[in-house]
PDB file of N, CA and C in Angstrom:
ATOM      1  N   UNK A   1       0.850  -1.210  -0.006  1.00  0.00           N
ATOM      2  CA  UNK A   1      -0.045   0.012   0.014  1.00  0.00           C
ATOM      3  C   UNK A   1       0.913   1.251   0.015  1.00  0.00           C
ATOM      4  N   UNK A   2       0.748   2.117  -0.907  1.00  0.00           N
ATOM      5  CA  UNK A   2       1.574   3.303  -1.017  1.00  0.00           C
ATOM      6  C   UNK A   2       1.107   4.356  -0.008  1.00  0.00           C
ATOM      7  N   UNK A   3       1.974   5.259   0.329  1.00  0.00           N
ATOM      8  CA  UNK A   3       1.621   6.320   1.285  1.00  0.00           C
ATOM      9  C   UNK A   3       0.460   7.243   0.757  1.00  0.00           C
ATOM     10  N   UNK A   4       0.337   7.208  -0.576  1.00  0.00           N
ATOM     11  CA  UNK A   4      -0.748   8.024  -1.237  1.00  0.00           C
ATOM     12  C   UNK A   4      -2.127   7.450  -0.871  1.00  0.00           C
ATOM     13  N   UNK A   5      -2.177   6.186  -0.615  1.00  0.00           N
ATOM     14  CA  UNK A   5      -3.511   5.575  -0.346  1.00  0.00           C
ATOM     15  C   UNK A   5      -3.751   5.342   1.123  1.00  0.00           C
ATOM     16  N   UNK A   6      -2.771   5.525   1.969  1.00  0.00           N
ATOM     17  CA  UNK A   6      -2.977   5.344   3.352  1.00  0.00           C
ATOM     18  C   UNK A   6      -3.912   6.367   3.991  1.00  0.00           C
ATOM     19  N   UNK A   7      -4.702   5.939   4.870  1.00  0.00           N
ATOM     20  CA  UNK A   7      -5.640   6.776   5.594  1.00  0.00           C
ATOM     21  C   UNK A   7      -5.373   6.587   7.054  1.00  0.00           C
ATOM     22  N   UNK A   8      -5.546   7.618   7.922  1.00  0.00           N
ATOM     23  CA  UNK A   8      -5.478   7.461   9.290  1.00  0.00           C
ATOM     24  C   UNK A   8      -6.690   6.713   9.881  1.00  0.00           C
ATOM     25  N   UNK A   9      -6.547   5.651  10.627  1.00  0.00           N
ATOM     26  CA  UNK A   9      -7.683   5.052  11.296  1.00  0.00           C
ATOM     27  C   UNK A   9      -7.958   5.753  12.589  1.00  0.00           C
ATOM     28  N   UNK A  10      -6.924   6.315  13.210  1.00  0.00           N
ATOM     29  CA  UNK A  10      -7.033   6.984  14.493  1.00  0.00           C
ATOM     30  C   UNK A  10      -5.964   8.090  14.628  1.00  0.00           C
ATOM     31  N   UNK A  11      -6.343   9.241  15.081  1.00  0.00           N
ATOM     32  CA  UNK A  11      -5.442  10.347  15.322  1.00  0.00           C
ATOM     33  C   UNK A  11      -5.720  10.956  16.725  1.00  0.00           C
ATOM     34  N   UNK A  12      -4.642  11.041  17.503  1.00  0.00           N
ATOM     35  CA  UNK A  12      -4.898  11.698  18.831  1.00  0.00           C
ATOM     36  C   UNK A  12      -3.583  12.327  19.218  1.00  0.00           C
ATOM     37  N   UNK A  13      -3.714  13.277  20.157  1.00  0.00           N
ATOM     38  CA  UNK A  13      -2.581  13.879  20.834  1.00  0.00           C
ATOM     39  C   UNK A  13      -2.250  13.163  22.063  1.00  0.00           C
ATOM     40  N   UNK A  14      -1.021  12.680  22.174  1.00  0.00           N
ATOM     41  CA  UNK A  14      -0.571  12.010  23.400  1.00  0.00           C
ATOM     42  C   UNK A  14       0.625  12.861  23.922  1.00  0.00           C
ATOM     43  N   UNK A  15       0.418  13.598  24.994  1.00  0.00           N
ATOM     44  CA  UNK A  15       1.428  14.463  25.585  1.00  0.00           C
ATOM     45  C   UNK A  15       1.775  15.544  24.528  1.00  0.00           C
ATOM     46  N   UNK A  16       3.040  15.495  24.073  1.00  0.00           N
ATOM     47  CA  UNK A  16       3.453  16.508  23.079  1.00  0.00           C
ATOM     48  C   UNK A  16       3.668  15.888  21.722  1.00  0.00           C
ATOM     49  N   UNK A  17       2.998  14.800  21.441  1.00  0.00           N
ATOM     50  CA  UNK A  17       3.125  14.126  20.142  1.00  0.00           C
ATOM     51  C   UNK A  17       1.755  13.983  19.476  1.00  0.00           C
ATOM     52  N   UNK A  18       1.748  13.994  18.156  1.00  0.00           N
ATOM     53  CA  UNK A  18       0.652  13.608  17.372  1.00  0.00           C
ATOM     54  C   UNK A  18       0.743  12.124  16.999  1.00  0.00           C
ATOM     55  N   UNK A  19      -0.146  11.298  17.489  1.00  0.00           N
ATOM     56  CA  UNK A  19      -0.091   9.861  17.238  1.00  0.00           C
ATOM     57  C   UNK A  19      -1.079   9.504  16.135  1.00  0.00           C
ATOM     58  N   UNK A  20      -0.629   8.797  15.144  1.00  0.00           N
ATOM     59  CA  UNK A  20      -1.466   8.395  14.049  1.00  0.00           C
ATOM     60  C   UNK A  20      -1.348   6.910  13.771  1.00  0.00           C
ATOM     61  N   UNK A  21      -2.499   6.247  13.824  1.00  0.00           N
ATOM     62  CA  UNK A  21      -2.503   4.827  13.452  1.00  0.00           C
ATOM     63  C   UNK A  21      -3.083   4.769  12.019  1.00  0.00           C
ATOM     64  N   UNK A  22      -2.266   4.190  11.089  1.00  0.00           N
ATOM     65  CA  UNK A  22      -2.630   4.214   9.688  1.00  0.00           C
ATOM     66  C   UNK A  22      -3.388   2.954   9.305  1.00  0.00           C
ATOM     67  N   UNK A  23      -4.038   3.059   8.143  1.00  0.00           N
ATOM     68  CA  UNK A  23      -4.818   1.890   7.672  1.00  0.00           C
ATOM     69  C   UNK A  23      -4.069   0.621   7.422  1.00  0.00           C
ATOM     70  N   UNK A  24      -2.700   0.698   7.258  1.00  0.00           N
ATOM     71  CA  UNK A  24      -1.917  -0.452   7.176  1.00  0.00           C
ATOM     72  C   UNK A  24      -1.445  -0.960   8.540  1.00  0.00           C
ATOM     73  N   UNK A  25      -1.960  -0.344   9.585  1.00  0.00           N
ATOM     74  CA  UNK A  25      -1.666  -0.745  10.999  1.00  0.00           C
ATOM     75  C   UNK A  25      -0.348  -0.154  11.500  1.00  0.00           C
ATOM     76  N   UNK A  26       0.382   0.513  10.709  1.00  0.00           N
ATOM     77  CA  UNK A  26       1.599   1.199  11.145  1.00  0.00           C
ATOM     78  C   UNK A  26       1.224   2.335  11.993  1.00  0.00           C
ATOM     79  N   UNK A  27       2.139   2.827  12.865  1.00  0.00           N
ATOM     80  CA  UNK A  27       1.877   4.014  13.719  1.00  0.00           C
ATOM     81  C   UNK A  27       3.004   5.009  13.459  1.00  0.00           C
ATOM     82  N   UNK A  28       2.555   6.307  13.545  1.00  0.00           N
ATOM     83  CA  UNK A  28       3.454   7.425  13.459  1.00  0.00           C
ATOM     84  C   UNK A  28       3.280   8.283  14.708  1.00  0.00           C
ATOM     85  N   UNK A  29       4.387   8.664  15.294  1.00  0.00           N
ATOM     86  CA  UNK A  29       4.439   9.579  16.415  1.00  0.00           C
ATOM     87  C   UNK A  29       5.290  10.807  16.109  1.00  0.00           C
ATOM     88  N   UNK A  30       4.613  11.931  15.848  1.00  0.00           N
ATOM     89  CA  UNK A  30       5.322  13.124  15.516  1.00  0.00           C
ATOM     90  C   UNK A  30       5.254  14.144  16.625  1.00  0.00           C
ATOM     91  N   UNK A  31       6.414  14.692  17.039  1.00  0.00           N
ATOM     92  CA  UNK A  31       6.385  15.736  18.016  1.00  0.00           C
ATOM     93  C   UNK A  31       5.565  16.974  17.470  1.00  0.00           C
ATOM     94  N   UNK A  32       4.702  17.545  18.309  1.00  0.00           N
ATOM     95  CA  UNK A  32       3.923  18.700  17.865  1.00  0.00           C
ATOM     96  C   UNK A  32       4.815  19.836  17.363  1.00  0.00           C
ATOM     97  N   UNK A  33       5.956  19.986  18.013  1.00  0.00           N
ATOM     98  CA  UNK A  33       6.875  21.025  17.579  1.00  0.00           C
ATOM     99  C   UNK A  33       7.365  20.812  16.179  1.00  0.00           C
ATOM    100  N   UNK A  34       7.628  19.527  15.820  1.00  0.00           N
ATOM    101  CA  UNK A  34       8.059  19.219  14.422  1.00  0.00           C
ATOM    102  C   UNK A  34       6.923  19.499  13.452  1.00  0.00           C
ATOM    103  N   UNK A  35       5.713  19.118  13.790  1.00  0.00           N
ATOM    104  CA  UNK A  35       4.533  19.345  12.926  1.00  0.00           C
ATOM    105  C   UNK A  35       4.454  20.880  12.696  1.00  0.00           C
ATOM    106  N   UNK A  36       4.493  21.696  13.731  1.00  0.00           N
ATOM    107  CA  UNK A  36       4.251  23.136  13.580  1.00  0.00           C
ATOM    108  C   UNK A  36       5.482  23.743  12.837  1.00  0.00           C
ATOM    109  N   UNK A  37       6.673  23.339  13.123  1.00  0.00           N
ATOM    110  CA  UNK A  37       7.857  23.904  12.416  1.00  0.00           C
ATOM    111  C   UNK A  37       7.855  23.589  10.964  1.00  0.00           C
ATOM    112  N   UNK A  38       7.114  22.597  10.549  1.00  0.00           N
ATOM    113  CA  UNK A  38       7.061  22.220   9.127  1.00  0.00           C
ATOM    114  C   UNK A  38       5.664  22.504   8.543  1.00  0.00           C
ATOM    115  N   UNK A  39       5.040  23.564   9.050  1.00  0.00           N
ATOM    116  CA  UNK A  39       3.745  23.953   8.533  1.00  0.00           C
ATOM    117  C   UNK A  39       3.788  24.218   7.041  1.00  0.00           C
ATOM    118  N   UNK A  40       2.943  23.567   6.259  1.00  0.00           N
ATOM    119  CA  UNK A  40       3.048  23.771   4.842  1.00  0.00           C
ATOM    120  C   UNK A  40       2.275  24.903   4.231  1.00  0.00           C
ATOM    121  N   UNK A  41       1.662  25.791   5.060  1.00  0.00           N
ATOM    122  CA  UNK A  41       0.903  26.890   4.510  1.00  0.00           C
ATOM    123  C   UNK A  41       1.865  27.923   3.842  1.00  0.00           C
ATOM    124  N   UNK A  42       1.304  28.702   3.001  1.00  0.00           N
ATOM    125  CA  UNK A  42       2.139  29.686   2.258  1.00  0.00           C
ATOM    126  C   UNK A  42       2.717  30.746   3.190  1.00  0.00           C
ATOM    127  N   UNK A  43       2.018  31.136   4.243  1.00  0.00           N
ATOM    128  CA  UNK A  43       2.531  32.082   5.191  1.00  0.00           C
ATOM    129  C   UNK A  43       3.765  31.607   5.879  1.00  0.00           C
ATOM    130  N   UNK A  44       3.836  30.322   6.181  1.00  0.00           N
ATOM    131  CA  UNK A  44       5.024  29.690   6.867  1.00  0.00           C
ATOM    132  C   UNK A  44       6.110  29.363   5.848  1.00  0.00           C
ATOM    133  N   UNK A  45       5.837  29.566   4.575  1.00  0.00           N
ATOM    134  CA  UNK A  45       6.853  29.308   3.534  1.00  0.00           C
ATOM    135  C   UNK A  45       6.776  27.924   2.919  1.00  0.00           C
ATOM    136  N   UNK A  46       5.699  27.256   3.148  1.00  0.00           N
ATOM    137  CA  UNK A  46       5.540  25.863   2.622  1.00  0.00           C
ATOM    138  C   UNK A  46       4.877  25.783   1.266  1.00  0.00           C
ATOM    139  N   UNK A  47       4.744  26.925   0.592  1.00  0.00           N
ATOM    140  CA  UNK A  47       4.155  26.912  -0.728  1.00  0.00           C
ATOM    141  C   UNK A  47       5.083  26.132  -1.666  1.00  0.00           C
ATOM    142  N   UNK A  48       4.531  25.203  -2.545  1.00  0.00           N
ATOM    143  CA  UNK A  48       5.380  24.475  -3.454  1.00  0.00           C
ATOM    144  C   UNK A  48       6.043  25.351  -4.498  1.00  0.00           C
ATOM    145  N   UNK A  49       7.210  24.900  -4.973  1.00  0.00           N
ATOM    146  CA  UNK A  49       7.849  25.641  -6.065  1.00  0.00           C
ATOM    147  C   UNK A  49       7.204  25.264  -7.408  1.00  0.00           C
ATOM    148  N   UNK A  50       7.745  25.699  -8.533  1.00  0.00           N
ATOM    149  CA  UNK A  50       7.116  25.449  -9.803  1.00  0.00           C
ATOM    150  C   UNK A  50       6.945  23.992 -10.204  1.00  0.00           C
ATOM    151  N   UNK A  51       7.795  23.116  -9.616  1.00  0.00           N
ATOM    152  CA  UNK A  51       7.701  21.700  -9.921  1.00  0.00           C
ATOM    153  C   UNK A  51       6.963  20.967  -8.802  1.00  0.00           C
ATOM    154  N   UNK A  52       6.380  21.698  -7.834  1.00  0.00           N
ATOM    155  CA  UNK A  52       5.643  21.018  -6.787  1.00  0.00           C
ATOM    156  C   UNK A  52       6.395  20.523  -5.580  1.00  0.00           C
ATOM    157  N   UNK A  53       7.683  20.905  -5.463  1.00  0.00           N
ATOM    158  CA  UNK A  53       8.481  20.512  -4.388  1.00  0.00           C
ATOM    159  C   UNK A  53       8.370  21.509  -3.174  1.00  0.00           C
ATOM    160  N   UNK A  54       8.441  20.974  -1.958  1.00  0.00           N
ATOM    161  CA  UNK A  54       8.451  21.817  -0.827  1.00  0.00           C
ATOM    162  C   UNK A  54       9.685  21.500  -0.079  1.00  0.00           C
ATOM    163  N   UNK A  55      10.473  22.560   0.296  1.00  0.00           N
ATOM    164  CA  UNK A  55      11.789  22.412   0.933  1.00  0.00           C
ATOM    165  C   UNK A  55      11.554  22.399   2.429  1.00  0.00           C
ATOM    166  N   UNK A  56      11.543  21.187   3.077  1.00  0.00           N
ATOM    167  CA  UNK A  56      11.229  21.099   4.506  1.00  0.00           C
ATOM    168  C   UNK A  56      12.277  21.857   5.338  1.00  0.00           C
ATOM    169  N   UNK A  57      13.498  21.829   5.010  1.00  0.00           N
ATOM    170  CA  UNK A  57      14.516  22.551   5.798  1.00  0.00           C
ATOM    171  C   UNK A  57      14.356  24.076   5.711  1.00  0.00           C
ATOM    172  N   UNK A  58      13.976  24.546   4.536  1.00  0.00           N
ATOM    173  CA  UNK A  58      13.695  26.035   4.401  1.00  0.00           C
ATOM    174  C   UNK A  58      12.515  26.432   5.232  1.00  0.00           C
ATOM    175  N   UNK A  59      11.493  25.615   5.280  1.00  0.00           N
ATOM    176  CA  UNK A  59      10.316  25.956   6.113  1.00  0.00           C
ATOM    177  C   UNK A  59      10.720  26.071   7.593  1.00  0.00           C
ATOM    178  N   UNK A  60      11.452  25.095   8.079  1.00  0.00           N
ATOM    179  CA  UNK A  60      11.853  25.091   9.473  1.00  0.00           C
ATOM    180  C   UNK A  60      12.753  26.352   9.805  1.00  0.00           C
ATOM    181  N   UNK A  61      13.626  26.640   8.903  1.00  0.00           N
ATOM    182  CA  UNK A  61      14.522  27.788   9.144  1.00  0.00           C
ATOM    183  C   UNK A  61      13.738  29.099   9.152  1.00  0.00           C
ATOM    184  N   UNK A  62      12.764  29.326   8.290  1.00  0.00           N
ATOM    185  CA  UNK A  62      12.012  30.538   8.245  1.00  0.00           C
ATOM    186  C   UNK A  62      11.110  30.760   9.451  1.00  0.00           C
ATOM    187  N   UNK A  63      10.588  29.634  10.003  1.00  0.00           N
ATOM    188  CA  UNK A  63       9.681  29.732  11.067  1.00  0.00           C
ATOM    189  C   UNK A  63      10.354  29.656  12.473  1.00  0.00           C
ATOM    190  N   UNK A  64      11.572  29.314  12.509  1.00  0.00           N
ATOM    191  CA  UNK A  64      12.321  29.098  13.819  1.00  0.00           C
ATOM    192  C   UNK A  64      12.199  30.270  14.725  1.00  0.00           C
ATOM    193  N   UNK A  65      12.506  31.438  14.355  1.00  0.00           N
ATOM    194  CA  UNK A  65      12.540  32.632  15.237  1.00  0.00           C
ATOM    195  C   UNK A  65      11.197  33.096  15.625  1.00  0.00           C
ATOM    196  N   UNK A  66      10.193  32.937  14.825  1.00  0.00           N
ATOM    197  CA  UNK A  66       8.859  33.542  14.975  1.00  0.00           C
ATOM    198  C   UNK A  66       7.987  32.683  15.925  1.00  0.00           C
ATOM    199  N   UNK A  67       8.391  31.485  16.291  1.00  0.00           N
ATOM    200  CA  UNK A  67       7.488  30.633  17.102  1.00  0.00           C
ATOM    201  C   UNK A  67       7.808  30.755  18.606  1.00  0.00           C
ATOM    202  N   UNK A  68       6.783  30.630  19.452  1.00  0.00           N
ATOM    203  CA  UNK A  68       6.982  30.650  20.828  1.00  0.00           C
ATOM    204  C   UNK A  68       6.450  29.254  21.452  1.00  0.00           C
ATOM    205  N   UNK A  69       6.568  29.053  22.705  1.00  0.00           N
ATOM    206  CA  UNK A  69       6.073  27.819  23.280  1.00  0.00           C
ATOM    207  C   UNK A  69       4.592  27.583  23.022  1.00  0.00           C
ATOM    208  N   UNK A  70       3.814  28.725  23.023  1.00  0.00           N
ATOM    209  CA  UNK A  70       2.364  28.618  22.723  1.00  0.00           C
ATOM    210  C   UNK A  70       2.097  28.074  21.303  1.00  0.00           C
ATOM    211  N   UNK A  71       3.065  28.351  20.412  1.00  0.00           N
ATOM    212  CA  UNK A  71       2.926  27.891  19.037  1.00  0.00           C
ATOM    213  C   UNK A  71       2.874  26.369  18.856  1.00  0.00           C
ATOM    214  N   UNK A  72       3.273  25.657  19.825  1.00  0.00           N
ATOM    215  CA  UNK A  72       3.319  24.208  19.734  1.00  0.00           C
ATOM    216  C   UNK A  72       2.206  23.434  20.440  1.00  0.00           C
ATOM    217  N   UNK A  73       1.293  24.179  21.021  1.00  0.00           N
ATOM    218  CA  UNK A  73       0.162  23.599  21.642  1.00  0.00           C
ATOM    219  C   UNK A  73      -1.016  23.426  20.694  1.00  0.00           C
ATOM    220  N   UNK A  74      -1.640  22.294  20.645  1.00  0.00           N
ATOM    221  CA  UNK A  74      -2.637  21.976  19.641  1.00  0.00           C
ATOM    222  C   UNK A  74      -4.010  22.101  20.363  1.00  0.00           C
ATOM    223  N   UNK A  75      -4.942  22.982  19.841  1.00  0.00           N
ATOM    224  CA  UNK A  75      -6.256  23.159  20.443  1.00  0.00           C
ATOM    225  C   UNK A  75      -7.370  22.394  19.729  1.00  0.00           C
ATOM    226  N   UNK A  76      -7.096  22.109  18.457  1.00  0.00           N
ATOM    227  CA  UNK A  76      -8.083  21.340  17.668  1.00  0.00           C
ATOM    228  C   UNK A  76      -7.394  20.681  16.502  1.00  0.00           C
ATOM    229  N   UNK A  77      -8.020  19.707  15.943  1.00  0.00           N
ATOM    230  CA  UNK A  77      -7.482  19.042  14.740  1.00  0.00           C
ATOM    231  C   UNK A  77      -8.658  18.589  13.902  1.00  0.00           C
ATOM    232  N   UNK A  78      -8.738  19.171  12.682  1.00  0.00           N
ATOM    233  CA  UNK A  78      -9.855  18.928  11.737  1.00  0.00           C
ATOM    234  C   UNK A  78      -9.424  18.046  10.595  1.00  0.00           C
ATOM    235  N   UNK A  79     -10.257  17.158  10.166  1.00  0.00           N
ATOM    236  CA  UNK A  79     -10.016  16.399   8.997  1.00  0.00           C
ATOM    237  C   UNK A  79     -10.469  17.169   7.760  1.00  0.00           C
ATOM    238  N   UNK A  80      -9.647  17.187   6.751  1.00  0.00           N
ATOM    239  CA  UNK A  80      -9.961  17.906   5.489  1.00  0.00           C
ATOM    240  C   UNK A  80     -10.204  16.845   4.450  1.00  0.00           C
ATOM    241  N   UNK A  81     -11.524  16.681   4.086  1.00  0.00           N
ATOM    242  CA  UNK A  81     -11.789  15.642   3.069  1.00  0.00           C
ATOM    243  C   UNK A  81     -11.246  14.335   3.410  1.00  0.00           C
ATOM    244  N   UNK A  82     -10.801  13.559   2.465  1.00  0.00           N
ATOM    245  CA  UNK A  82     -10.210  12.298   2.668  1.00  0.00           C
ATOM    246  C   UNK A  82      -8.692  12.298   2.481  1.00  0.00           C
ATOM    247  N   UNK A  83      -8.084  13.476   2.607  1.00  0.00           N
ATOM    248  CA  UNK A  83      -6.687  13.567   2.278  1.00  0.00           C
ATOM    249  C   UNK A  83      -5.782  14.299   3.204  1.00  0.00           C
ATOM    250  N   UNK A  84      -6.305  15.016   4.227  1.00  0.00           N
ATOM    251  CA  UNK A  84      -5.443  15.854   5.065  1.00  0.00           C
ATOM    252  C   UNK A  84      -5.990  16.102   6.409  1.00  0.00           C
ATOM    253  N   UNK A  85      -5.156  16.658   7.271  1.00  0.00           N
ATOM    254  CA  UNK A  85      -5.555  17.188   8.594  1.00  0.00           C
ATOM    255  C   UNK A  85      -5.162  18.675   8.670  1.00  0.00           C
ATOM    256  N   UNK A  86      -6.002  19.377   9.445  1.00  0.00           N
ATOM    257  CA  UNK A  86      -5.783  20.853   9.615  1.00  0.00           C
ATOM    258  C   UNK A  86      -5.705  21.116  11.093  1.00  0.00           C
ATOM    259  N   UNK A  87      -4.571  21.371  11.656  1.00  0.00           N
ATOM    260  CA  UNK A  87      -4.451  21.686  13.067  1.00  0.00           C
ATOM    261  C   UNK A  87      -4.790  23.133  13.336  1.00  0.00           C
ATOM    262  N   UNK A  88      -5.284  23.360  14.578  1.00  0.00           N
ATOM    263  CA  UNK A  88      -5.516  24.681  15.094  1.00  0.00           C
ATOM    264  C   UNK A  88      -4.530  24.786  16.296  1.00  0.00           C
ATOM    265  N   UNK A  89      -3.612  25.714  16.222  1.00  0.00           N
ATOM    266  CA  UNK A  89      -2.579  25.845  17.231  1.00  0.00           C
ATOM    267  C   UNK A  89      -2.958  26.881  18.325  1.00  0.00           C
ATOM    268  N   UNK A  90      -2.439  26.759  19.486  1.00  0.00           N
ATOM    269  CA  UNK A  90      -2.802  27.645  20.628  1.00  0.00           C
ATOM    270  C   UNK A  90      -2.522  29.106  20.353  1.00  0.00           C
ATOM    271  N   UNK A  91      -1.648  29.390  19.419  1.00  0.00           N
ATOM    272  CA  UNK A  91      -1.416  30.830  19.126  1.00  0.00           C
ATOM    273  C   UNK A  91      -2.360  31.346  18.043  1.00  0.00           C
ATOM    274  N   UNK A  92      -3.298  30.511  17.637  1.00  0.00           N
ATOM    275  CA  UNK A  92      -4.322  30.974  16.645  1.00  0.00           C
ATOM    276  C   UNK A  92      -4.050  30.573  15.258  1.00  0.00           C
ATOM    277  N   UNK A  93      -2.828  30.074  14.926  1.00  0.00           N
ATOM    278  CA  UNK A  93      -2.502  29.687  13.554  1.00  0.00           C
ATOM    279  C   UNK A  93      -3.274  28.485  13.122  1.00  0.00           C
ATOM    280  N   UNK A  94      -3.883  28.467  11.934  1.00  0.00           N
ATOM    281  CA  UNK A  94      -4.719  27.381  11.539  1.00  0.00           C
ATOM    282  C   UNK A  94      -4.720  27.193  10.046  1.00  0.00           C
ATOM    283  N   UNK A  95      -3.880  27.815   9.255  1.00  0.00           N
ATOM    284  CA  UNK A  95      -3.969  27.769   7.780  1.00  0.00           C
ATOM    285  C   UNK A  95      -3.156  26.605   7.222  1.00  0.00           C
ATOM    286  N   UNK A  96      -2.426  25.844   7.962  1.00  0.00           N
ATOM    287  CA  UNK A  96      -1.652  24.671   7.483  1.00  0.00           C
ATOM    288  C   UNK A  96      -2.588  23.507   7.248  1.00  0.00           C
ATOM    289  N   UNK A  97      -2.510  22.959   6.023  1.00  0.00           N
ATOM    290  CA  UNK A  97      -3.236  21.692   5.679  1.00  0.00           C
ATOM    291  C   UNK A  97      -2.176  20.670   5.382  1.00  0.00           C
ATOM    292  N   UNK A  98      -2.152  19.677   6.228  1.00  0.00           N
ATOM    293  CA  UNK A  98      -1.082  18.606   6.184  1.00  0.00           C
ATOM    294  C   UNK A  98      -1.695  17.391   5.537  1.00  0.00           C
ATOM    295  N   UNK A  99      -1.308  17.109   4.281  1.00  0.00           N
ATOM    296  CA  UNK A  99      -1.782  15.880   3.640  1.00  0.00           C
ATOM    297  C   UNK A  99      -1.243  14.689   4.400  1.00  0.00           C
ATOM    298  N   UNK A 100      -1.968  13.569   4.222  1.00  0.00           N
ATOM    299  CA  UNK A 100      -1.536  12.342   4.900  1.00  0.00           C
ATOM    300  C   UNK A 100      -0.110  11.989   4.336  1.00  0.00           C
ATOM    301  N   UNK A 101       0.122  12.093   3.112  1.00  0.00           N
ATOM    302  CA  UNK A 101       1.502  11.769   2.560  1.00  0.00           C
ATOM    303  C   UNK A 101       2.508  12.712   3.186  1.00  0.00           C
ATOM    304  N   UNK A 102       2.182  13.932   3.408  1.00  0.00           N
ATOM    305  CA  UNK A 102       3.157  14.915   3.982  1.00  0.00           C
ATOM    306  C   UNK A 102       3.463  14.526   5.436  1.00  0.00           C
ATOM    307  N   UNK A 103       2.443  14.098   6.211  1.00  0.00           N
ATOM    308  CA  UNK A 103       2.670  13.659   7.537  1.00  0.00           C
ATOM    309  C   UNK A 103       3.516  12.428   7.607  1.00  0.00           C
ATOM    310  N   UNK A 104       3.368  11.511   6.668  1.00  0.00           N
ATOM    311  CA  UNK A 104       4.192  10.298   6.644  1.00  0.00           C
ATOM    312  C   UNK A 104       5.629  10.718   6.324  1.00  0.00           C
ATOM    313  N   UNK A 105       5.798  11.681   5.393  1.00  0.00           N
ATOM    314  CA  UNK A 105       7.140  12.182   5.025  1.00  0.00           C
ATOM    315  C   UNK A 105       7.808  12.818   6.256  1.00  0.00           C
ATOM    316  N   UNK A 106       7.136  13.599   7.039  1.00  0.00           N
ATOM    317  CA  UNK A 106       7.700  14.214   8.219  1.00  0.00           C
ATOM    318  C   UNK A 106       8.194  13.186   9.172  1.00  0.00           C
ATOM    319  N   UNK A 107       7.554  12.027   9.214  1.00  0.00           N
ATOM    320  CA  UNK A 107       7.903  10.934  10.138  1.00  0.00           C
ATOM    321  C   UNK A 107       9.170  10.118   9.713  1.00  0.00           C
ATOM    322  N   UNK A 108       9.584  10.307   8.429  1.00  0.00           N
ATOM    323  CA  UNK A 108      10.702   9.541   7.925  1.00  0.00           C
ATOM    324  C   UNK A 108      12.039  10.074   8.527  1.00  0.00           C
ATOM    325  N   UNK A 109      12.986   9.183   8.737  1.00  0.00           N
ATOM    326  CA  UNK A 109      14.357   9.641   9.206  1.00  0.00           C
ATOM    327  C   UNK A 109      14.895  10.639   8.278  1.00  0.00           C
ATOM    328  N   UNK A 110      15.642  11.598   8.830  1.00  0.00           N
ATOM    329  CA  UNK A 110      16.252  12.647   7.987  1.00  0.00           C
ATOM    330  C   UNK A 110      17.145  12.173   6.858  1.00  0.00           C
ATOM    331  N   UNK A 111      17.747  11.008   7.024  1.00  0.00           N
ATOM    332  CA  UNK A 111      18.644  10.509   5.967  1.00  0.00           C
ATOM    333  C   UNK A 111      17.935   9.627   4.993  1.00  0.00           C
ATOM    334  N   UNK A 112      16.592   9.466   5.141  1.00  0.00           N
ATOM    335  CA  UNK A 112      15.888   8.561   4.172  1.00  0.00           C
ATOM    336  C   UNK A 112      15.559   9.293   2.866  1.00  0.00           C
TER     337      UNK A 112
END
């Protein structure tokens, strides 16, 4: 099953992590800070380039200084259709839409 077809069966916040159990029964645990620092919205710098690529390192670098501890608290999490999740952060930011494939990519080791 490719990551394009995986769906989350269950999503919950456990402490400071976003826990996702996928339809293939695998599990992903993402620190909320990682999720926020890699926000894919255009305001955070996650807008794709002309060929559709998003530079994860560039997003993290641009948002590093602007975030506070409150930025990493999750107050709500909405499902967007059958393809994404949209978090609402404690500082009010809510424009990031994280596709399921993007969340899986965030969970991959940095050298993968």
